[in-house]
Each structure stands twice: as C-alpha cells, then as structure tokens.
C-alpha atoms as a PDB file:
ATOM      1  CA  MET A   1     -10.116 -18.169 -11.128  1.00  0.00           C
ATOM      2  CA  ASN A   2     -13.286 -17.607  -9.130  1.00  0.00           C
ATOM      3  CA  THR A   3     -16.095 -17.238 -11.567  1.00  0.00           C
ATOM      4  CA  PRO A   4     -17.054 -12.812 -11.109  1.00  0.00           C
ATOM      5  CA  THR A   5     -20.591 -12.505  -9.392  1.00  0.00           C
ATOM      6  CA  SER A   6     -22.867 -10.104 -10.002  1.00  0.00           C
ATOM      7  CA  THR A   7     -22.627  -7.889  -7.209  1.00  0.00           C
ATOM      8  CA  PRO A   8     -21.938  -3.544  -7.717  1.00  0.00           C
ATOM      9  CA  ALA A   9     -18.965  -2.843  -9.259  1.00  0.00           C
ATOM     10  CA  GLN A  10     -18.462  -0.006  -6.582  1.00  0.00           C
ATOM     11  CA  ARG A  11     -17.934  -2.924  -4.119  1.00  0.00           C
ATOM     12  CA  HIS A  12     -16.235  -5.742  -6.379  1.00  0.00           C
ATOM     13  CA  ILE A  13     -12.265  -6.469  -5.568  1.00  0.00           C
ATOM     14  CA  LEU A  14     -10.397  -8.168  -7.911  1.00  0.00           C
ATOM     15  CA  VAL A  15      -7.671  -9.742  -5.855  1.00  0.00           C
ATOM     16  CA  VAL A  16      -4.319 -11.575  -8.144  1.00  0.00           C
ATOM     17  CA  GLU A  17      -2.844 -13.826  -6.273  1.00  0.00           C
ATOM     18  CA  ASP A  18      -1.651 -17.805  -6.928  1.00  0.00           C
ATOM     19  CA  ASP A  19      -0.767 -18.367  -3.234  1.00  0.00           C
ATOM     20  CA  ALA A  20      -4.109 -19.918  -2.280  1.00  0.00           C
ATOM     21  CA  LYS A  21      -3.114 -19.353   1.404  1.00  0.00           C
ATOM     22  CA  ILE A  22      -2.686 -15.150   0.795  1.00  0.00           C
ATOM     23  CA  ALA A  23      -5.454 -15.242  -1.564  1.00  0.00           C
ATOM     24  CA  ASP A  24      -8.412 -16.626   1.086  1.00  0.00           C
ATOM     25  CA  MET A  25      -6.312 -14.818   3.604  1.00  0.00           C
ATOM     26  CA  LEU A  26      -7.296 -11.495   1.469  1.00  0.00           C
ATOM     27  CA  THR A  27     -10.745 -12.717   0.627  1.00  0.00           C
ATOM     28  CA  ASN A  28     -11.717 -13.684   3.824  1.00  0.00           C
ATOM     29  CA  TYR A  29     -10.479 -10.108   5.340  1.00  0.00           C
ATOM     30  CA  LEU A  30     -12.392  -7.952   2.639  1.00  0.00           C
ATOM     31  CA  HIS A  31     -15.696 -10.492   2.931  1.00  0.00           C
ATOM     32  CA  MET A  32     -15.487  -9.269   7.207  1.00  0.00           C
ATOM     33  CA  HIS A  33     -15.373  -5.741   5.376  1.00  0.00           C
ATOM     34  CA  GLY A  34     -18.757  -6.703   3.001  1.00  0.00           C
ATOM     35  CA  PHE A  35     -17.260  -6.555  -0.425  1.00  0.00           C
ATOM     36  CA  GLU A  36     -17.385  -8.947  -2.334  1.00  0.00           C
ATOM     37  CA  THR A  37     -14.228 -10.755  -4.538  1.00  0.00           C
ATOM     38  CA  THR A  38     -13.282 -12.478  -7.150  1.00  0.00           C
ATOM     39  CA  VAL A  39      -9.951 -14.253  -7.412  1.00  0.00           C
ATOM     40  CA  CYS A  40      -7.393 -15.793 -10.594  1.00  0.00           C
ATOM     41  CA  GLY A  41      -4.093 -16.605  -9.739  1.00  0.00           C
ATOM     42  CA  ASN A  42      -2.416 -15.859 -13.380  1.00  0.00           C
ATOM     43  CA  GLY A  43      -1.196 -12.560 -14.342  1.00  0.00           C
ATOM     44  CA  LEU A  44      -2.068 -13.363 -17.463  1.00  0.00           C
ATOM     45  CA  ASP A  45      -6.191 -13.629 -16.292  1.00  0.00           C
ATOM     46  CA  ALA A  46      -5.599 -10.088 -14.930  1.00  0.00           C
ATOM     47  CA  VAL A  47      -6.600  -7.748 -17.716  1.00  0.00           C
ATOM     48  CA  PRO A  48      -9.772  -9.467 -19.185  1.00  0.00           C
ATOM     49  CA  LEU A  49     -11.031  -9.447 -15.952  1.00  0.00           C
ATOM     50  CA  VAL A  50     -10.426  -5.697 -15.411  1.00  0.00           C
ATOM     51  CA  ARG A  51     -12.161  -5.519 -18.971  1.00  0.00           C
ATOM     52  CA  ALA A  52     -14.878  -7.671 -17.924  1.00  0.00           C
ATOM     53  CA  ILE A  53     -15.748  -6.613 -14.602  1.00  0.00           C
ATOM     54  CA  GLY A  54     -14.814  -2.976 -13.953  1.00  0.00           C
ATOM     55  CA  PRO A  55     -13.845  -3.853 -10.481  1.00  0.00           C
ATOM     56  CA  ALA A  56     -13.845  -0.908  -7.920  1.00  0.00           C
ATOM     57  CA  LEU A  57      -9.985  -2.350  -6.868  1.00  0.00           C
ATOM     58  CA  VAL A  58      -7.463  -4.700  -7.297  1.00  0.00           C
ATOM     59  CA  VAL A  59      -5.265  -5.904  -4.767  1.00  0.00           C
ATOM     60  CA  LEU A  60      -2.183  -7.322  -7.077  1.00  0.00           C
ATOM     61  CA  ASP A  61       0.281  -9.738  -5.869  1.00  0.00           C
ATOM     62  CA  LEU A  62       3.998  -8.789  -7.204  1.00  0.00           C
ATOM     63  CA  MET A  63       5.450 -12.482  -8.060  1.00  0.00           C
ATOM     64  CA  LEU A  64       2.750 -14.457 -10.431  1.00  0.00           C
ATOM     65  CA  PRO A  65       2.900 -17.063 -12.655  1.00  0.00           C
ATOM     66  CA  GLY A  66       2.006 -16.066 -16.663  1.00  0.00           C
ATOM     67  CA  GLN A  67       3.408 -12.496 -15.744  1.00  0.00           C
ATOM     68  CA  ASP A  68       4.561 -10.321 -13.068  1.00  0.00           C
ATOM     69  CA  GLY A  69       2.544  -7.646 -10.918  1.00  0.00           C
ATOM     70  CA  ILE A  70       4.125  -5.256 -12.238  1.00  0.00           C
ATOM     71  CA  ALA A  71       3.611  -6.144 -16.343  1.00  0.00           C
ATOM     72  CA  VAL A  72      -0.141  -6.320 -15.169  1.00  0.00           C
ATOM     73  CA  CYS A  73       0.277  -2.818 -13.658  1.00  0.00           C
ATOM     74  CA  GLU A  74       2.126  -1.437 -16.770  1.00  0.00           C
ATOM     75  CA  GLN A  75      -0.903  -2.878 -18.904  1.00  0.00           C
ATOM     76  CA  LEU A  76      -3.848  -2.122 -16.738  1.00  0.00           C
ATOM     77  CA  ARG A  77      -2.604   1.684 -16.584  1.00  0.00           C
ATOM     78  CA  ALA A  78      -2.534   2.191 -20.692  1.00  0.00           C
ATOM     79  CA  PHE A  79      -6.656   1.960 -20.451  1.00  0.00           C
ATOM     80  CA  SER A  80      -8.063   2.151 -16.859  1.00  0.00           C
ATOM     81  CA  VAL A  81      -7.666   4.146 -13.481  1.00  0.00           C
ATOM     82  CA  VAL A  82      -8.538   1.648 -11.015  1.00  0.00           C
ATOM     83  CA  PRO A  83      -6.643   1.960  -7.959  1.00  0.00           C
ATOM     84  CA  ILE A  84      -3.665  -0.658  -7.678  1.00  0.00           C
ATOM     85  CA  ILE A  85      -2.898  -2.057  -4.418  1.00  0.00           C
ATOM     86  CA  MET A  86       0.117  -3.666  -5.015  1.00  0.00           C
ATOM     87  CA  VAL A  87       1.067  -6.427  -2.085  1.00  0.00           C
ATOM     88  CA  THR A  88       4.136  -8.373  -1.473  1.00  0.00           C
ATOM     89  CA  ALA A  89       6.427  -9.860   1.489  1.00  0.00           C
ATOM     90  CA  ARG A  90       9.503  -9.006   0.555  1.00  0.00           C
ATOM     91  CA  VAL A  91      10.808  -5.091   1.054  1.00  0.00           C
ATOM     92  CA  ASP A  92      13.498  -5.820  -1.498  1.00  0.00           C
ATOM     93  CA  GLU A  93      10.812  -6.569  -4.450  1.00  0.00           C
ATOM     94  CA  ILE A  94       8.594  -3.389  -2.927  1.00  0.00           C
ATOM     95  CA  ASP A  95      11.641  -0.790  -3.217  1.00  0.00           C
ATOM     96  CA  ARG A  96      11.936  -2.637  -7.164  1.00  0.00           C
ATOM     97  CA  LEU A  97       8.165  -2.041  -7.723  1.00  0.00           C
ATOM     98  CA  LEU A  98       8.200   2.022  -6.700  1.00  0.00           C
ATOM     99  CA  GLY A  99      11.213   2.344  -8.558  1.00  0.00           C
ATOM    100  CA  ARG A 100       9.048   1.291 -11.740  1.00  0.00           C
ATOM    101  CA  ALA A 101       5.997   2.744 -10.799  1.00  0.00           C
ATOM    102  CA  GLU A 102       7.727   6.442 -10.376  1.00  0.00           C
ATOM    103  CA  GLY A 103       8.700   6.066 -14.135  1.00  0.00           C
ATOM    104  CA  ASN A 104       6.201   4.990 -15.190  1.00  0.00           C
ATOM    105  CA  LEU A 105       2.837   4.775 -14.011  1.00  0.00           C
ATOM    106  CA  SER A 106       0.900   7.826 -14.185  1.00  0.00           C
ATOM    107  CA  THR A 107      -1.961   6.701 -11.982  1.00  0.00           C
ATOM    108  CA  PRO A 108      -1.038   6.455  -7.659  1.00  0.00           C
ATOM    109  CA  THR A 109      -0.692   3.146  -6.852  1.00  0.00           C
ATOM    110  CA  ALA A 110      -0.210   1.753  -3.715  1.00  0.00           C
ATOM    111  CA  ALA A 111       2.610  -0.841  -2.388  1.00  0.00           C
ATOM    112  CA  VAL A 112       1.407  -2.559   0.488  1.00  0.00           C
ATOM    113  CA  HIS A 113       3.455  -4.614   2.329  1.00  0.00           C
ATOM    114  CA  VAL A 114       1.889  -8.132   4.105  1.00  0.00           C
ATOM    115  CA  ALA A 115       3.449 -10.411   6.104  1.00  0.00           C
ATOM    116  CA  PRO A 116       2.942 -14.315   5.068  1.00  0.00           C
ATOM    117  CA  GLY A 117       0.053 -15.206   7.445  1.00  0.00           C
ATOM    118  CA  THR A 118      -1.326 -12.176   8.780  1.00  0.00           C
ATOM    119  CA  ALA A 119      -3.790  -9.316   7.265  1.00  0.00           C
ATOM    120  CA  PRO A 120      -3.342  -6.850   5.226  1.00  0.00           C
ATOM    121  CA  SER A 121      -1.985  -3.833   7.635  1.00  0.00           C
ATOM    122  CA  LEU A 122      -1.102  -0.399   6.755  1.00  0.00           C
ATOM    123  CA  VAL A 123      -2.487   0.791   3.626  1.00  0.00           C
ATOM    124  CA  ALA A 124      -2.588   4.099   2.511  1.00  0.00           C
ATOM    125  CA  ASP A 125      -4.834   5.775  -0.074  1.00  0.00           C
ATOM    126  CA  ASP A 126      -3.700   8.761  -2.433  1.00  0.00           C
ATOM    127  CA  ALA A 127      -7.085   9.439  -3.244  1.00  0.00           C
ATOM    128  CA  THR A 128      -8.351  10.228  -0.026  1.00  0.00           C
ATOM    129  CA  GLN A 129      -5.202  10.761   1.855  1.00  0.00           C
ATOM    130  CA  THR A 130      -5.762   8.204   4.622  1.00  0.00           C
ATOM    131  CA  ILE A 131      -3.485   5.391   6.372  1.00  0.00           C
ATOM    132  CA  ARG A 132      -5.712   2.879   7.741  1.00  0.00           C
ATOM    133  CA  TRP A 133      -4.712  -0.327   9.785  1.00  0.00           C
ATOM    134  CA  GLY A 134      -6.501  -3.039   9.657  1.00  0.00           C
ATOM    135  CA  GLY A 135      -9.357  -1.079   7.653  1.00  0.00           C
ATOM    136  CA  GLN A 136      -9.904   1.800  10.469  1.00  0.00           C
ATOM    137  CA  PRO A 137      -8.168   5.244   8.921  1.00  0.00           C
ATOM    138  CA  LEU A 138      -5.901   6.732  11.440  1.00  0.00           C
ATOM    139  CA  PRO A 139      -6.395  10.385  13.325  1.00  0.00           C
ATOM    140  CA  LEU A 140      -3.775  11.507  10.894  1.00  0.00           C
ATOM    141  CA  THR A 141      -3.532  15.766  10.332  1.00  0.00           C
ATOM    142  CA  PRO A 142      -2.515  16.336   6.599  1.00  0.00           C
ATOM    143  CA  VAL A 143       1.040  16.933   7.471  1.00  0.00           C
ATOM    144  CA  GLU A 144       1.322  13.367   9.276  1.00  0.00           C
ATOM    145  CA  PHE A 145      -0.184  11.938   6.479  1.00  0.00           C
ATOM    146  CA  ARG A 146       2.581  13.403   3.720  1.00  0.00           C
ATOM    147  CA  LEU A 147       5.114  11.934   6.598  1.00  0.00           C
ATOM    148  CA  LEU A 148       3.861   8.427   6.765  1.00  0.00           C
ATOM    149  CA  ARG A 149       2.449   7.938   3.188  1.00  0.00           C
ATOM    150  CA  LEU A 150       7.097   8.758   2.386  1.00  0.00           C
ATOM    151  CA  LEU A 151       8.287   6.710   4.990  1.00  0.00           C
ATOM    152  CA  LEU A 152       5.674   3.661   3.981  1.00  0.00           C
ATOM    153  CA  SER A 153       6.622   4.569   0.613  1.00  0.00           C
ATOM    154  CA  ARG A 154      10.288   2.575   1.074  1.00  0.00           C
ATOM    155  CA  PRO A 155      10.246   0.357   4.495  1.00  0.00           C
ATOM    156  CA  SER A 156      13.638   0.091   5.862  1.00  0.00           C
ATOM    157  CA  HIS A 157      14.953   3.299   3.829  1.00  0.00           C
ATOM    158  CA  VAL A 158      16.916   5.988   5.927  1.00  0.00           C
ATOM    159  CA  PHE A 159      15.416   9.486   5.074  1.00  0.00           C
ATOM    160  CA  SER A 160      17.356  12.447   6.136  1.00  0.00           C
ATOM    161  CA  ARG A 161      15.405  15.165   7.985  1.00  0.00           C
ATOM    162  CA  ALA A 162      16.350  17.173   4.885  1.00  0.00           C
ATOM    163  CA  ARG A 163      14.111  14.997   2.875  1.00  0.00           C
ATOM    164  CA  LEU A 164      11.198  14.390   5.152  1.00  0.00           C
ATOM    165  CA  LEU A 165      11.150  18.417   5.628  1.00  0.00           C
ATOM    166  CA  ASP A 166      10.714  18.764   2.209  1.00  0.00           C
ATOM    167  CA  GLN A 167       7.523  16.459   2.044  1.00  0.00           C
ATOM    168  CA  LEU A 168       6.209  18.111   4.842  1.00  0.00           C
ATOM    169  CA  HIS A 169       5.952  21.621   4.447  1.00  0.00           C
ATOM    170  CA  GLN A 170       5.267  21.473   0.013  1.00  0.00           C
ATOM    171  CA  ASP A 171       4.687  25.024   0.617  1.00  0.00           C
ATOM    172  CA  LEU A 172       8.376  26.165   1.925  1.00  0.00           C
ATOM    173  CA  ARG A 173       7.732  27.592   4.864  1.00  0.00           C
ATOM    174  CA  ASP A 174      11.277  27.973   6.829  1.00  0.00           C
ATOM    175  CA  VAL A 175      10.671  26.073   9.877  1.00  0.00           C
ATOM    176  CA  SER A 176      13.182  24.073  12.229  1.00  0.00           C
ATOM    177  CA  ASP A 177      13.407  20.375  11.192  1.00  0.00           C
ATOM    178  CA  ARG A 178      13.214  20.206  15.330  1.00  0.00           C
ATOM    179  CA  ALA A 179       9.254  19.602  14.153  1.00  0.00           C
ATOM    180  CA  ILE A 180       9.760  16.145  12.412  1.00  0.00           C
ATOM    181  CA  ASP A 181      10.276  15.005  16.000  1.00  0.00           C
ATOM    182  CA  SER A 182       7.334  16.343  17.342  1.00  0.00           C
ATOM    183  CA  HIS A 183       5.317  14.771  13.981  1.00  0.00           C
ATOM    184  CA  ILE A 184       7.606  11.120  14.569  1.00  0.00           C
ATOM    185  CA  LYS A 185       6.386  11.327  18.361  1.00  0.00           C
ATOM    186  CA  ASN A 186       2.945  11.637  16.890  1.00  0.00           C
ATOM    187  CA  LEU A 187       2.544   8.911  14.178  1.00  0.00           C
ATOM    188  CA  ARG A 188       4.667   6.662  17.319  1.00  0.00           C
ATOM    189  CA  ARG A 189       1.253   7.469  19.336  1.00  0.00           C
ATOM    190  CA  LYS A 190      -1.134   6.605  16.635  1.00  0.00           C
ATOM    191  CA  LEU A 191       0.412   4.020  15.935  1.00  0.00           C
ATOM    192  CA  GLU A 192       0.883   2.492  19.315  1.00  0.00           C
ATOM    193  CA  ALA A 193      -2.687   3.395  20.042  1.00  0.00           C
ATOM    194  CA  ALA A 194      -4.444   1.896  16.534  1.00  0.00           C
ATOM    195  CA  GLY A 195      -2.136  -1.404  17.627  1.00  0.00           C
ATOM    196  CA  ALA A 196      -0.417  -1.474  15.064  1.00  0.00           C
ATOM    197  CA  VAL A 197       1.944  -4.313  15.736  1.00  0.00           C
ATOM    198  CA  GLY A 198       5.352  -4.615  14.816  1.00  0.00           C
ATOM    199  CA  HIS A 199       4.943  -1.287  12.562  1.00  0.00           C
ATOM    200  CA  SER A 200       7.126   1.814  13.910  1.00  0.00           C
ATOM    201  CA  VAL A 201       9.158   4.742  12.833  1.00  0.00           C
ATOM    202  CA  ALA A 202      12.700   4.315  13.900  1.00  0.00           C
ATOM    203  CA  SER A 203      15.511   6.669  14.635  1.00  0.00           C
ATOM    204  CA  VAL A 204      18.729   6.714  12.886  1.00  0.00           C
ATOM    205  CA  TYR A 205      20.920   8.991  14.878  1.00  0.00           C
ATOM    206  CA  GLY A 206      22.282  11.146  12.936  1.00  0.00           C
ATOM    207  CA  VAL A 207      20.409  10.773  10.047  1.00  0.00           C
ATOM    208  CA  GLY A 208      17.236  11.042  10.408  1.00  0.00           C
ATOM    209  CA  TYR A 209      13.947   7.825  10.424  1.00  0.00           C
ATOM    210  CA  ARG A 210      13.065   4.347   8.679  1.00  0.00           C
ATOM    211  CA  PHE A 211       9.832   2.912   8.898  1.00  0.00           C
ATOM    212  CA  GLU A 212      10.864  -0.742  10.188  1.00  0.00           C
ATOM    213  CA  VAL A 213       7.980  -3.966   9.962  1.00  0.00           C
ATOM    214  CA  GLU A 214       8.520  -6.967  12.113  1.00  0.00           C
ATOM    215  CA  LEU A 215       7.911  -9.997  10.084  1.00  0.00           C
ATOM    216  CA  ALA A 216       6.042 -13.075  11.462  1.00  0.00           C
END
C-alpha cells in the first residue's frame, strides 16, 4: 500500500487494485493528467483510506483480496458520496455489479470496462453529464449522452428500440423510433473521430442496438 501524500484531496485519487500491472497502468494514466494517487491492493484497506485522505475519486477493482469491490462500495456509500469508478475486464462482472448497484446504492457509481494492458477508455460521469475517451470529453448532445450512457451500462446487452426511446425522451414526447438511427449514426461518427478503437455500437436486426468492446 502506498503512503498517502499531502496533495489536496480534490486532486487525489485512491486506486484500489491488487494487480500491480493494472495499478501501474492506472496511476501512470492519472499522473499524466495531473492527479496524485494512493494505491492499495486489499479491499479491507480501502474504507480506512477513504476516511483518512478523503479522495476526490475512488477507482475500485471488482475482484480484490480481503473483500470484493462491491462490498467496499456498499460500505463507502454508508458514509460517503465520493465518486466511485468500478474497474473490471469481465463483462459478466459488470452486469453483476450493475444489478447490485441499482438495488443498493443511491449515489451514482460508474462501471468502466478496462481490457488488461490498455488505458481506461470510455468513462461516464453522471455528475457532469459527460463521457470521456482517454480523458477527453466526447462532444455529445444531452440526448446522445443519455443514449450512450445506457448502452455503456451493460456492454453486449441488446437494448430494444422502445427501451432506448424511453431513455432518450423522458419528457414523453411522441417521436419516431427512426430518431434512434440518427442518434446512433452520430454516436458512431463521434466515437470514430475520438479514436475510440475497439468500441462500437452494433445493430441487432429487428431488435435494437448493443455496445461492443473488443478485448485486447
């Protein structure tokens, strides 16, 4: 476990990750963007560290020794509203995480799919209504943000057109489902322009769309 520095909390990120290579990847990426980090590799150390340093953000691995990331997340939400990004390379674990989060966590928690050996890719920030690739926000409209946020919430899951329309037009406007096609076309163009290699929105004929991530 790294020793916390005296960096102001608003620039300090706690990385809870037991894989040394992934921890190094994450901290190097954060340092490149001007953040200081504290790293711990055991789930039992995470809550005491949050209490001690009051980080601006917690990057939390799902699979940890001591106790897993979901248990850590639930304990943190009992006393803290610190933003949490859950990191896992397994899509099935993301589905499990989101199911627990929706039922038990009142403060938004982002689930980020990170393929081992690569930098964090698409990160959704509900507080600022932005989605970033490589630290840079995508130029999304509010409708595009809601659409991509929903697709990112469950990679590989097929969302029907009706479900996507419900998410896009929460003001209950009567719109054609052809609007989905236009928004998807714009999202694909913006992901490509941002260089989001290996990340795409796939069409499922007669059903809807899903978000795909190609693992390295």
